[in-house]
Amino acid sequence: MNPAEIVSMIQNEIPDAEVHPKGEGCNFKITVVSSEFAGKTMLQQHQRVNKILAPSLASGALHAVTLVTRTPA
């Protein structure tokens, strides 16, 4: 999977998200910044992004993902 595909998948579900994937192949560290995360715990934020990535994780297109989520500064 390439970084542009990751950005597109997440922004399709969270339009205001700033998405910064780093990595290659099926291993990525993905930083997602969105106002949608306001008032949500880190666990809730990660669950939201993991739900978006679930099909790619299930298919093996993504294997190892580290998430960093936060609201805009």
N, C-alpha and C. Protein backbone atom coordinates (compact mmCIF):
# COMPACT_ATOMS: atom_id res chain seq x y z
N MET A 1 0.85 -1.17 0.00
CA MET A 1 0.00 0.00 0.00
C MET A 1 0.90 1.23 0.00
N ASN A 2 0.47 2.24 -0.73
CA ASN A 2 1.30 3.45 -0.76
C ASN A 2 0.68 4.54 0.13
N PRO A 3 1.49 5.50 0.55
CA PRO A 3 1.01 6.54 1.46
C PRO A 3 -0.21 7.31 0.93
N ALA A 4 -0.27 7.57 -0.37
CA ALA A 4 -1.41 8.31 -0.93
C ALA A 4 -2.72 7.56 -0.74
N GLU A 5 -2.67 6.24 -0.82
CA GLU A 5 -3.89 5.43 -0.60
C GLU A 5 -4.36 5.55 0.84
N ILE A 6 -3.43 5.58 1.76
CA ILE A 6 -3.78 5.71 3.18
C ILE A 6 -4.42 7.07 3.42
N VAL A 7 -3.82 8.12 2.89
CA VAL A 7 -4.36 9.47 3.05
C VAL A 7 -5.78 9.52 2.49
N SER A 8 -5.98 8.98 1.31
CA SER A 8 -7.29 8.99 0.66
C SER A 8 -8.34 8.24 1.48
N MET A 9 -7.98 7.05 1.97
CA MET A 9 -8.93 6.25 2.76
C MET A 9 -9.40 7.01 3.98
N ILE A 10 -8.47 7.61 4.70
CA ILE A 10 -8.82 8.30 5.94
C ILE A 10 -9.58 9.59 5.66
N GLN A 11 -9.14 10.35 4.66
CA GLN A 11 -9.82 11.61 4.35
C GLN A 11 -11.21 11.39 3.75
N ASN A 12 -11.47 10.24 3.15
CA ASN A 12 -12.82 9.94 2.67
C ASN A 12 -13.81 9.84 3.83
N GLU A 13 -13.33 9.39 4.98
CA GLU A 13 -14.18 9.22 6.16
C GLU A 13 -14.10 10.40 7.12
N ILE A 14 -12.95 11.04 7.18
CA ILE A 14 -12.73 12.19 8.06
C ILE A 14 -12.20 13.32 7.18
N PRO A 15 -13.10 14.06 6.52
CA PRO A 15 -12.69 15.05 5.51
C PRO A 15 -11.69 16.10 5.97
N ASP A 16 -11.75 16.53 7.24
CA ASP A 16 -10.83 17.59 7.68
C ASP A 16 -9.49 17.06 8.17
N ALA A 17 -9.29 15.76 8.07
CA ALA A 17 -8.08 15.15 8.63
C ALA A 17 -6.83 15.54 7.88
N GLU A 18 -5.79 15.86 8.64
CA GLU A 18 -4.44 15.96 8.12
C GLU A 18 -3.81 14.60 8.39
N VAL A 19 -3.40 13.93 7.34
CA VAL A 19 -2.90 12.55 7.46
C VAL A 19 -1.45 12.52 6.98
N HIS A 20 -0.58 11.99 7.85
CA HIS A 20 0.85 11.92 7.53
C HIS A 20 1.36 10.50 7.75
N PRO A 21 1.29 9.66 6.70
CA PRO A 21 1.83 8.30 6.84
C PRO A 21 3.34 8.28 6.58
N LYS A 22 4.04 7.51 7.38
CA LYS A 22 5.48 7.32 7.19
C LYS A 22 5.74 5.82 7.22
N GLY A 23 6.41 5.35 6.20
CA GLY A 23 6.72 3.93 6.12
C GLY A 23 6.66 3.47 4.69
N GLU A 24 6.63 2.17 4.52
CA GLU A 24 6.55 1.61 3.18
C GLU A 24 6.01 0.20 3.24
N GLY A 25 5.58 -0.29 2.09
CA GLY A 25 5.04 -1.64 2.02
C GLY A 25 3.77 -1.75 2.84
N CYS A 26 3.82 -2.56 3.88
CA CYS A 26 2.63 -2.76 4.71
C CYS A 26 2.86 -2.30 6.15
N ASN A 27 3.94 -1.57 6.40
CA ASN A 27 4.26 -1.08 7.75
C ASN A 27 4.31 0.44 7.76
N PHE A 28 3.42 1.04 8.56
CA PHE A 28 3.33 2.50 8.58
C PHE A 28 3.12 3.04 9.98
N LYS A 29 3.66 4.23 10.20
CA LYS A 29 3.29 5.07 11.34
C LYS A 29 2.42 6.16 10.73
N ILE A 30 1.20 6.29 11.21
CA ILE A 30 0.24 7.23 10.63
C ILE A 30 -0.17 8.24 11.69
N THR A 31 0.07 9.51 11.38
CA THR A 31 -0.38 10.60 12.24
C THR A 31 -1.64 11.20 11.63
N VAL A 32 -2.69 11.30 12.44
CA VAL A 32 -3.96 11.86 11.97
C VAL A 32 -4.35 12.99 12.92
N VAL A 33 -4.55 14.18 12.35
CA VAL A 33 -4.96 15.35 13.12
C VAL A 33 -6.33 15.78 12.61
N SER A 34 -7.32 15.82 13.51
CA SER A 34 -8.67 16.19 13.10
C SER A 34 -9.44 16.81 14.26
N SER A 35 -10.27 17.78 13.91
CA SER A 35 -11.15 18.39 14.92
C SER A 35 -12.22 17.39 15.35
N GLU A 36 -12.45 16.34 14.57
CA GLU A 36 -13.42 15.30 14.95
C GLU A 36 -13.01 14.60 16.24
N PHE A 37 -11.75 14.64 16.58
CA PHE A 37 -11.26 13.96 17.78
C PHE A 37 -11.48 14.76 19.06
N ALA A 38 -11.94 15.99 18.96
CA ALA A 38 -12.17 16.84 20.14
C ALA A 38 -13.14 16.15 21.10
N GLY A 39 -12.76 16.08 22.34
CA GLY A 39 -13.61 15.50 23.37
C GLY A 39 -13.59 13.98 23.42
N LYS A 40 -12.79 13.34 22.56
CA LYS A 40 -12.71 11.88 22.55
C LYS A 40 -11.40 11.44 23.19
N THR A 41 -11.45 10.29 23.83
CA THR A 41 -10.23 9.73 24.41
C THR A 41 -9.32 9.24 23.30
N MET A 42 -8.07 9.02 23.63
CA MET A 42 -7.13 8.50 22.64
C MET A 42 -7.61 7.14 22.11
N LEU A 43 -8.16 6.32 23.00
CA LEU A 43 -8.69 5.03 22.57
C LEU A 43 -9.80 5.21 21.54
N GLN A 44 -10.72 6.13 21.78
CA GLN A 44 -11.80 6.39 20.83
C GLN A 44 -11.26 6.91 19.50
N GLN A 45 -10.26 7.76 19.57
CA GLN A 45 -9.64 8.29 18.35
C GLN A 45 -9.02 7.16 17.53
N HIS A 46 -8.28 6.29 18.21
CA HIS A 46 -7.63 5.18 17.53
C HIS A 46 -8.66 4.19 16.98
N GLN A 47 -9.74 3.95 17.73
CA GLN A 47 -10.79 3.06 17.24
C GLN A 47 -11.41 3.60 15.96
N ARG A 48 -11.59 4.90 15.89
CA ARG A 48 -12.17 5.53 14.70
C ARG A 48 -11.29 5.30 13.48
N VAL A 49 -9.99 5.51 13.63
CA VAL A 49 -9.07 5.32 12.51
C VAL A 49 -8.91 3.83 12.18
N ASN A 50 -8.83 2.99 13.20
CA ASN A 50 -8.71 1.55 12.96
C ASN A 50 -9.90 1.00 12.20
N LYS A 51 -11.08 1.53 12.45
CA LYS A 51 -12.28 1.09 11.73
C LYS A 51 -12.13 1.39 10.23
N ILE A 52 -11.55 2.53 9.92
CA ILE A 52 -11.32 2.91 8.52
C ILE A 52 -10.29 1.99 7.88
N LEU A 53 -9.26 1.64 8.63
CA LEU A 53 -8.17 0.82 8.11
C LEU A 53 -8.46 -0.67 8.14
N ALA A 54 -9.53 -1.09 8.81
CA ALA A 54 -9.82 -2.50 9.03
C ALA A 54 -9.80 -3.35 7.76
N PRO A 55 -10.43 -2.92 6.66
CA PRO A 55 -10.39 -3.77 5.46
C PRO A 55 -8.96 -4.00 4.94
N SER A 56 -8.13 -2.97 4.99
CA SER A 56 -6.74 -3.11 4.54
C SER A 56 -5.93 -3.98 5.49
N LEU A 57 -6.22 -3.91 6.77
CA LEU A 57 -5.54 -4.76 7.74
C LEU A 57 -5.98 -6.22 7.55
N ALA A 58 -7.26 -6.44 7.30
CA ALA A 58 -7.79 -7.79 7.10
C ALA A 58 -7.23 -8.43 5.84
N SER A 59 -7.05 -7.64 4.79
CA SER A 59 -6.56 -8.18 3.52
C SER A 59 -5.04 -8.38 3.52
N GLY A 60 -4.35 -7.77 4.48
CA GLY A 60 -2.90 -7.85 4.52
C GLY A 60 -2.20 -6.72 3.78
N ALA A 61 -2.98 -5.82 3.16
CA ALA A 61 -2.38 -4.67 2.48
C ALA A 61 -1.62 -3.81 3.49
N LEU A 62 -2.15 -3.76 4.70
CA LEU A 62 -1.45 -3.16 5.84
C LEU A 62 -1.22 -4.26 6.85
N HIS A 63 -0.07 -4.25 7.47
CA HIS A 63 0.22 -5.29 8.46
C HIS A 63 0.50 -4.68 9.83
N ALA A 64 1.45 -3.79 9.88
CA ALA A 64 1.83 -3.16 11.14
C ALA A 64 1.56 -1.66 11.04
N VAL A 65 0.69 -1.18 11.92
CA VAL A 65 0.33 0.23 11.92
C VAL A 65 0.49 0.80 13.32
N THR A 66 1.19 1.90 13.41
CA THR A 66 1.29 2.66 14.65
C THR A 66 0.54 3.95 14.42
N LEU A 67 -0.41 4.28 15.30
CA LEU A 67 -1.22 5.47 15.15
C LEU A 67 -0.82 6.55 16.15
N VAL A 68 -0.82 7.78 15.66
CA VAL A 68 -0.71 8.97 16.50
C VAL A 68 -1.90 9.83 16.11
N THR A 69 -2.77 10.14 17.05
CA THR A 69 -3.94 10.96 16.76
C THR A 69 -3.97 12.14 17.71
N ARG A 70 -4.50 13.26 17.19
CA ARG A 70 -4.65 14.44 18.04
C ARG A 70 -5.58 15.45 17.35
N THR A 71 -5.96 16.44 18.12
CA THR A 71 -6.76 17.54 17.58
C THR A 71 -5.81 18.63 17.09
N PRO A 72 -6.28 19.51 16.21
CA PRO A 72 -5.41 20.61 15.74
C PRO A 72 -4.99 21.52 16.89
N ALA A 73 -3.81 22.06 16.78
CA ALA A 73 -3.28 22.95 17.82
C ALA A 73 -3.98 24.29 17.81
